[in-house]
Protein backbone atom coordinates (compact mmCIF):
# COMPACT_ATOMS: atom_id res chain seq x y z
CA MET A 1 138.99 106.36 117.77
CA TRP A 2 135.29 107.26 118.07
CA TYR A 3 135.73 107.61 121.84
CA PHE A 4 138.20 110.46 121.34
CA THR A 5 135.58 112.43 119.42
CA TRP A 6 132.94 111.59 122.02
CA ILE A 7 135.12 112.77 124.92
CA LEU A 8 136.12 115.91 123.02
CA GLY A 9 132.45 116.69 122.35
CA LEU A 10 131.54 116.09 125.98
CA LEU A 11 134.30 118.40 127.20
CA LEU A 12 133.25 121.05 124.69
CA ALA A 13 129.64 120.84 125.89
CA CYS A 14 130.74 121.15 129.54
CA ALA A 15 132.96 124.12 128.72
CA PHE A 16 130.07 125.75 126.87
CA GLY A 17 127.82 125.30 129.91
CA VAL A 18 130.40 126.76 132.28
CA ILE A 19 131.01 129.76 130.00
CA ASN A 20 127.27 130.37 129.75
CA ALA A 21 126.92 130.28 133.54
CA LEU A 22 129.79 132.75 133.98
CA TRP A 23 128.34 135.04 131.31
CA LEU A 24 124.93 134.94 132.98
CA GLU A 25 126.44 135.87 136.37
CA HIS A 26 128.41 138.69 134.76
CA THR A 27 125.37 140.18 133.00
CA GLU A 28 123.28 139.96 136.18
CA ASN A 29 125.99 141.88 138.06
CA MET A 30 126.11 144.50 135.30
CA ASP A 31 122.31 144.89 135.47
CA ARG A 32 122.48 145.38 139.24
CA LYS A 33 125.16 148.07 138.88
CA ILE A 34 123.07 149.91 136.27
CA ASP A 35 120.00 149.79 138.55
CA GLU A 36 122.02 151.10 141.51
CA ASN A 37 123.26 154.08 139.48
CA LYS A 38 119.72 155.23 138.58
């Protein structure tokens, strides 16, 4: 059953990477909007 844990960890790491990328894009867009309002 070690492979189940390994696959689960791999999927969790991939999900973490995707969420970080989406968060980074979102914060960059927020920064642009703030700069445009100044």
